[in-house]
Protein backbone atom coordinates (compact mmCIF):
# COMPACT_ATOMS: atom_id res chain seq x y z
CA MET A 1 4.24 -16.61 -11.66
CA PHE A 2 3.53 -14.47 -8.75
CA LYS A 3 7.06 -14.70 -6.89
CA ILE A 4 7.24 -14.47 -2.96
CA SER A 5 8.65 -10.79 -3.25
CA LYS A 6 6.09 -9.63 -4.47
CA GLY A 7 4.11 -11.06 -1.77
CA LEU A 8 6.09 -9.57 0.77
CA ASN A 9 6.36 -6.25 -0.90
CA ILE A 10 2.09 -6.16 -0.78
CA ILE A 11 2.25 -7.21 2.52
CA LEU A 12 4.63 -4.35 3.60
CA ILE A 13 2.75 -2.01 1.82
CA VAL A 14 -0.11 -2.73 3.98
CA ILE A 15 1.95 -2.73 6.99
CA ALA A 16 3.03 0.95 6.19
CA LEU A 17 -0.44 1.90 5.33
CA GLY A 18 -1.94 0.92 8.18
CA ALA A 19 1.09 1.91 10.79
CA ILE A 20 0.70 5.38 9.00
CA TYR A 21 -3.34 5.75 9.61
CA TYR A 22 -2.73 4.29 13.13
CA PHE A 23 0.30 6.77 13.89
CA SER A 24 -1.87 9.70 12.43
CA GLN A 25 -4.62 9.71 14.48
CA ASP A 26 -3.48 11.29 17.35
CA PHE A 27 -2.60 14.72 14.94
CA LEU A 28 -5.62 14.88 12.93
CA SER A 29 -8.98 15.75 13.71
CA PRO A 30 -11.94 12.74 13.67
CA SER A 31 -13.22 14.99 10.44
CA TRP A 32 -10.01 13.92 8.51
CA ASN A 33 -10.93 9.58 9.36
CA ILE A 34 -12.23 9.21 5.89
CA PRO A 35 -10.54 11.04 3.58
CA LEU A 36 -7.27 10.21 5.09
CA ILE A 37 -8.62 6.46 4.46
CA ILE A 38 -10.18 7.38 1.16
CA LEU A 39 -6.59 8.10 0.30
CA LEU A 40 -4.41 5.51 2.15
CA LEU A 41 -6.92 3.10 -0.38
CA VAL A 42 -5.96 5.15 -3.28
CA LEU A 43 -2.19 5.04 -2.75
CA GLY A 44 -2.27 0.94 -1.73
CA ALA A 45 -4.25 -0.16 -4.82
CA ALA A 46 -2.18 1.73 -6.97
CA SER A 47 1.38 0.78 -5.21
CA ILE A 48 -0.11 -3.00 -5.45
CA MET A 49 -1.17 -2.47 -8.86
CA SER A 50 2.61 -1.21 -10.10
CA ILE A 51 3.73 -4.22 -8.19
CA ILE A 52 1.38 -6.94 -10.12
CA LYS A 53 1.90 -5.18 -13.57
CA LYS A 54 5.96 -4.85 -13.05
CA GLU A 55 7.59 -7.42 -15.88
CA GLU A 56 10.37 -8.87 -15.18
CA PRO A 57 13.03 -9.08 -17.88
CA GLU A 58 13.09 -12.94 -19.01
CA ASP A 59 16.32 -14.80 -19.40
CA TYR A 60 17.24 -15.95 -22.97
């Protein structure tokens, strides 16, 4: 079952990565745009996969 907390965590990760990209534009040259996007996509995918695969203990 997909809980609300997992959905909120995923939304927060997406917002945080978007903010990192937005605020880093002032400090990085335009040649770093594509590598930065790829890096953030990989980090975001890894974080989201770890949240989705996280198993919660069952109550007995």
